Amino acid sequence: MDREFLIDLFADFGPVTIRKMFSGYGISADGINFALSLRAGLFFRADEVTIPNFEAEGSKPFQYSTRAKTVLVNSYWELPARLFDDSEELAQWARAALAAAQRAKVKKRKGKKAAPKKLATKKRPAKKTARRVGKAKRARR
């Protein structure tokens, strides 16, 4: 899929930003990536709310193979082929994918805890410490 095709495809959804990514494009709205257009097809962001819709359509999650294994990316699911001919329904699915991406962003932010602040302590140079040890040894003699 080329850039112009993707722009036309998302016309009913609204303006999207399309950036080169991997072997295709990342598609975002409002600064949030919600779809991937790759050689393998068009994949929308999904979560526990939207995955049942993809499953009902017979879609599969995105996967790729490495030398050692096949990796399943359950957060992106293949867009049902019938939606390429129905721009209004595709826009609904795109809105749901954007909502899933927004929920994931919020969840990610809540999951991060602020790192505890370290108190600054003054350390004395090693030479001064060594001098004190030397003085203490001399005092014991």
C-alpha atoms as a PDB file:
ATOM      1  CA  MET A   1       0.000   0.000   0.000  1.00  0.00           C
ATOM      2  CA  ASP A   2       1.371   3.351  -0.919  1.00  0.00           C
ATOM      3  CA  ARG A   3       0.981   6.621   0.956  1.00  0.00           C
ATOM      4  CA  GLU A   4      -1.709   8.062  -1.371  1.00  0.00           C
ATOM      5  CA  PHE A   5      -3.831   4.912  -1.087  1.00  0.00           C
ATOM      6  CA  LEU A   6      -3.660   5.135   2.725  1.00  0.00           C
ATOM      7  CA  ILE A   7      -4.636   8.814   2.706  1.00  0.00           C
ATOM      8  CA  ASP A   8      -7.684   7.985   0.572  1.00  0.00           C
ATOM      9  CA  LEU A   9      -8.503   4.949   2.709  1.00  0.00           C
ATOM     10  CA  PHE A  10      -8.670   7.059   5.885  1.00  0.00           C
ATOM     11  CA  ALA A  11     -10.546   9.986   4.286  1.00  0.00           C
ATOM     12  CA  ASP A  12     -13.767   9.291   6.235  1.00  0.00           C
ATOM     13  CA  PHE A  13     -11.806   8.892   9.477  1.00  0.00           C
ATOM     14  CA  GLY A  14     -10.100  12.256   9.233  1.00  0.00           C
ATOM     15  CA  PRO A  15      -6.557  13.520   8.818  1.00  0.00           C
ATOM     16  CA  VAL A  16      -3.823  11.028   9.598  1.00  0.00           C
ATOM     17  CA  THR A  17      -0.058  11.250   9.755  1.00  0.00           C
ATOM     18  CA  ILE A  18       1.734   8.579   7.764  1.00  0.00           C
ATOM     19  CA  ARG A  19       5.390   7.907   8.534  1.00  0.00           C
ATOM     20  CA  LYS A  20       7.834   5.398   7.100  1.00  0.00           C
ATOM     21  CA  MET A  21       8.249   2.518   9.513  1.00  0.00           C
ATOM     22  CA  PHE A  22       9.944  -0.869   9.139  1.00  0.00           C
ATOM     23  CA  SER A  23       8.805  -2.261   5.776  1.00  0.00           C
ATOM     24  CA  GLY A  24       5.805   0.035   5.508  1.00  0.00           C
ATOM     25  CA  TYR A  25       4.111   2.900   7.348  1.00  0.00           C
ATOM     26  CA  GLY A  26       2.963   3.858  10.815  1.00  0.00           C
ATOM     27  CA  ILE A  27      -0.386   5.637  10.820  1.00  0.00           C
ATOM     28  CA  SER A  28      -1.262   8.054  13.601  1.00  0.00           C
ATOM     29  CA  ALA A  29      -3.805  10.662  14.614  1.00  0.00           C
ATOM     30  CA  ASP A  30      -3.361  13.259  17.344  1.00  0.00           C
ATOM     31  CA  GLY A  31       0.230  12.040  17.758  1.00  0.00           C
ATOM     32  CA  ILE A  32      -0.834   8.488  18.638  1.00  0.00           C
ATOM     33  CA  ASN A  33       0.062   5.552  16.415  1.00  0.00           C
ATOM     34  CA  PHE A  34      -3.010   3.363  15.870  1.00  0.00           C
ATOM     35  CA  ALA A  35      -2.292   1.413  12.672  1.00  0.00           C
ATOM     36  CA  LEU A  36       0.540  -0.218  10.745  1.00  0.00           C
ATOM     37  CA  SER A  37       0.643  -0.721   7.012  1.00  0.00           C
ATOM     38  CA  LEU A  38       3.195  -3.449   6.298  1.00  0.00           C
ATOM     39  CA  ARG A  39       3.895  -5.905   3.504  1.00  0.00           C
ATOM     40  CA  ALA A  40       1.734  -8.396   5.391  1.00  0.00           C
ATOM     41  CA  GLY A  41      -1.292  -6.066   5.370  1.00  0.00           C
ATOM     42  CA  LEU A  42      -2.995  -3.326   7.368  1.00  0.00           C
ATOM     43  CA  PHE A  43      -3.062  -3.802  11.131  1.00  0.00           C
ATOM     44  CA  PHE A  44      -5.049  -1.809  13.690  1.00  0.00           C
ATOM     45  CA  ARG A  45      -4.223  -1.330  17.361  1.00  0.00           C
ATOM     46  CA  ALA A  46      -6.331  -3.629  19.529  1.00  0.00           C
ATOM     47  CA  ASP A  47      -6.903  -4.385  23.203  1.00  0.00           C
ATOM     48  CA  GLU A  48      -9.250  -6.442  25.382  1.00  0.00           C
ATOM     49  CA  VAL A  49     -12.156  -4.207  24.300  1.00  0.00           C
ATOM     50  CA  THR A  50     -11.648  -4.527  20.527  1.00  0.00           C
ATOM     51  CA  ILE A  51      -9.989  -7.937  20.055  1.00  0.00           C
ATOM     52  CA  PRO A  52     -13.377  -9.763  20.134  1.00  0.00           C
ATOM     53  CA  ASN A  53     -14.429  -7.738  17.037  1.00  0.00           C
ATOM     54  CA  PHE A  54     -11.321  -8.868  15.161  1.00  0.00           C
ATOM     55  CA  GLU A  55     -11.832 -12.480  16.259  1.00  0.00           C
ATOM     56  CA  ALA A  56     -15.461 -12.377  15.101  1.00  0.00           C
ATOM     57  CA  GLU A  57     -14.206 -11.332  11.642  1.00  0.00           C
ATOM     58  CA  GLY A  58     -11.647 -14.155  11.555  1.00  0.00           C
ATOM     59  CA  SER A  59      -8.694 -11.753  11.758  1.00  0.00           C
ATOM     60  CA  LYS A  60      -5.355 -12.719  13.241  1.00  0.00           C
ATOM     61  CA  PRO A  61      -2.830 -10.740  15.280  1.00  0.00           C
ATOM     62  CA  PHE A  62       0.292  -9.414  13.597  1.00  0.00           C
ATOM     63  CA  GLN A  63       3.218 -11.812  13.640  1.00  0.00           C
ATOM     64  CA  TYR A  64       6.711 -11.947  12.250  1.00  0.00           C
ATOM     65  CA  SER A  65       9.453 -14.524  12.151  1.00  0.00           C
ATOM     66  CA  THR A  66      12.994 -14.283  13.400  1.00  0.00           C
ATOM     67  CA  ARG A  67      15.666 -16.903  12.837  1.00  0.00           C
ATOM     68  CA  ALA A  68      14.766 -18.541  16.133  1.00  0.00           C
ATOM     69  CA  LYS A  69      10.992 -18.146  16.457  1.00  0.00           C
ATOM     70  CA  THR A  70       7.722 -16.586  15.354  1.00  0.00           C
ATOM     71  CA  VAL A  71       6.735 -13.532  17.383  1.00  0.00           C
ATOM     72  CA  LEU A  72       3.041 -12.795  17.942  1.00  0.00           C
ATOM     73  CA  VAL A  73       2.165  -9.105  18.475  1.00  0.00           C
ATOM     74  CA  ASN A  74      -1.256  -9.235  20.110  1.00  0.00           C
ATOM     75  CA  SER A  75      -1.616  -5.447  20.214  1.00  0.00           C
ATOM     76  CA  TYR A  76      -2.050  -5.136  16.408  1.00  0.00           C
ATOM     77  CA  TRP A  77      -4.632  -7.169  14.467  1.00  0.00           C
ATOM     78  CA  GLU A  78      -5.184  -7.499  10.739  1.00  0.00           C
ATOM     79  CA  LEU A  79      -7.978  -5.359   9.363  1.00  0.00           C
ATOM     80  CA  PRO A  80     -10.779  -7.482   7.850  1.00  0.00           C
ATOM     81  CA  ALA A  81     -10.530  -7.340   4.041  1.00  0.00           C
ATOM     82  CA  ARG A  82     -14.208  -6.378   3.612  1.00  0.00           C
ATOM     83  CA  LEU A  83     -13.517  -2.994   5.243  1.00  0.00           C
ATOM     84  CA  PHE A  84     -11.375  -1.843   2.324  1.00  0.00           C
ATOM     85  CA  ASP A  85     -14.657  -1.461   0.391  1.00  0.00           C
ATOM     86  CA  ASP A  86     -16.603   0.258   3.176  1.00  0.00           C
ATOM     87  CA  SER A  87     -14.905   3.526   4.115  1.00  0.00           C
ATOM     88  CA  GLU A  88     -17.539   4.488   6.699  1.00  0.00           C
ATOM     89  CA  GLU A  89     -17.181   1.254   8.653  1.00  0.00           C
ATOM     90  CA  LEU A  90     -13.400   1.388   8.252  1.00  0.00           C
ATOM     91  CA  ALA A  91     -13.532   4.832   9.896  1.00  0.00           C
ATOM     92  CA  GLN A  92     -15.449   3.315  12.842  1.00  0.00           C
ATOM     93  CA  TRP A  93     -12.811   0.590  13.221  1.00  0.00           C
ATOM     94  CA  ALA A  94     -10.071   3.236  12.975  1.00  0.00           C
ATOM     95  CA  ARG A  95     -11.721   5.254  15.761  1.00  0.00           C
ATOM     96  CA  ALA A  96     -11.875   2.107  17.900  1.00  0.00           C
ATOM     97  CA  ALA A  97      -8.187   1.429  17.154  1.00  0.00           C
ATOM     98  CA  LEU A  98      -7.273   4.993  18.118  1.00  0.00           C
ATOM     99  CA  ALA A  99      -9.255   4.583  21.363  1.00  0.00           C
ATOM    100  CA  ALA A 100      -7.375   1.324  22.075  1.00  0.00           C
ATOM    101  CA  ALA A 101      -4.057   3.112  21.481  1.00  0.00           C
ATOM    102  CA  GLN A 102      -5.114   5.935  23.809  1.00  0.00           C
ATOM    103  CA  ARG A 103      -6.093   3.427  26.529  1.00  0.00           C
ATOM    104  CA  ALA A 104      -2.724   1.714  26.143  1.00  0.00           C
ATOM    105  CA  LYS A 105      -0.945   5.057  26.482  1.00  0.00           C
ATOM    106  CA  VAL A 106      -2.843   5.873  29.690  1.00  0.00           C
ATOM    107  CA  LYS A 107      -2.188   2.392  31.070  1.00  0.00           C
ATOM    108  CA  LYS A 108       1.509   2.725  30.284  1.00  0.00           C
ATOM    109  CA  ARG A 109       1.696   6.088  32.073  1.00  0.00           C
ATOM    110  CA  LYS A 110      -0.058   4.708  35.167  1.00  0.00           C
ATOM    111  CA  GLY A 111       2.285   1.718  35.215  1.00  0.00           C
ATOM    112  CA  LYS A 112       5.392   3.866  35.448  1.00  0.00           C
ATOM    113  CA  LYS A 113       6.332   4.834  38.980  1.00  0.00           C
ATOM    114  CA  ALA A 114       8.406   7.862  39.720  1.00  0.00           C
ATOM    115  CA  ALA A 115      11.961   6.921  40.528  1.00  0.00           C
ATOM    116  CA  PRO A 116      12.825   7.666  44.146  1.00  0.00           C
ATOM    117  CA  LYS A 117      14.984  10.700  44.536  1.00  0.00           C
ATOM    118  CA  LYS A 118      18.451  10.080  45.859  1.00  0.00           C
ATOM    119  CA  LEU A 119      19.701  12.328  48.579  1.00  0.00           C
ATOM    120  CA  ALA A 120      22.947  13.977  47.764  1.00  0.00           C
ATOM    121  CA  THR A 121      25.613  13.007  50.251  1.00  0.00           C
ATOM    122  CA  LYS A 122      29.016  14.526  50.461  1.00  0.00           C
ATOM    123  CA  LYS A 123      31.775  12.026  50.098  1.00  0.00           C
ATOM    124  CA  ARG A 124      35.216  12.837  51.320  1.00  0.00           C
ATOM    125  CA  PRO A 125      38.092  12.203  49.030  1.00  0.00           C
ATOM    126  CA  ALA A 126      39.841   8.882  49.598  1.00  0.00           C
ATOM    127  CA  LYS A 127      43.109  10.585  50.602  1.00  0.00           C
ATOM    128  CA  LYS A 128      41.549  12.282  53.616  1.00  0.00           C
ATOM    129  CA  THR A 129      40.031   9.006  54.747  1.00  0.00           C
ATOM    130  CA  ALA A 130      43.395   7.294  54.379  1.00  0.00           C
ATOM    131  CA  ARG A 131      45.038  10.014  56.459  1.00  0.00           C
ATOM    132  CA  ARG A 132      42.528   9.514  59.255  1.00  0.00           C
ATOM    133  CA  VAL A 133      43.144   5.775  59.253  1.00  0.00           C
ATOM    134  CA  GLY A 134      46.884   6.437  59.384  1.00  0.00           C
ATOM    135  CA  LYS A 135      46.467   8.848  62.315  1.00  0.00           C
ATOM    136  CA  ALA A 136      44.321   6.336  64.176  1.00  0.00           C
ATOM    137  CA  LYS A 137      46.951   3.608  63.754  1.00  0.00           C
ATOM    138  CA  ARG A 138      49.702   5.921  64.989  1.00  0.00           C
ATOM    139  CA  ALA A 139      47.605   6.930  67.996  1.00  0.00           C
ATOM    140  CA  ARG A 140      47.172   3.263  69.000  1.00  0.00           C
ATOM    141  CA  ARG A 141      50.911   2.620  68.997  1.00  0.00           C
END
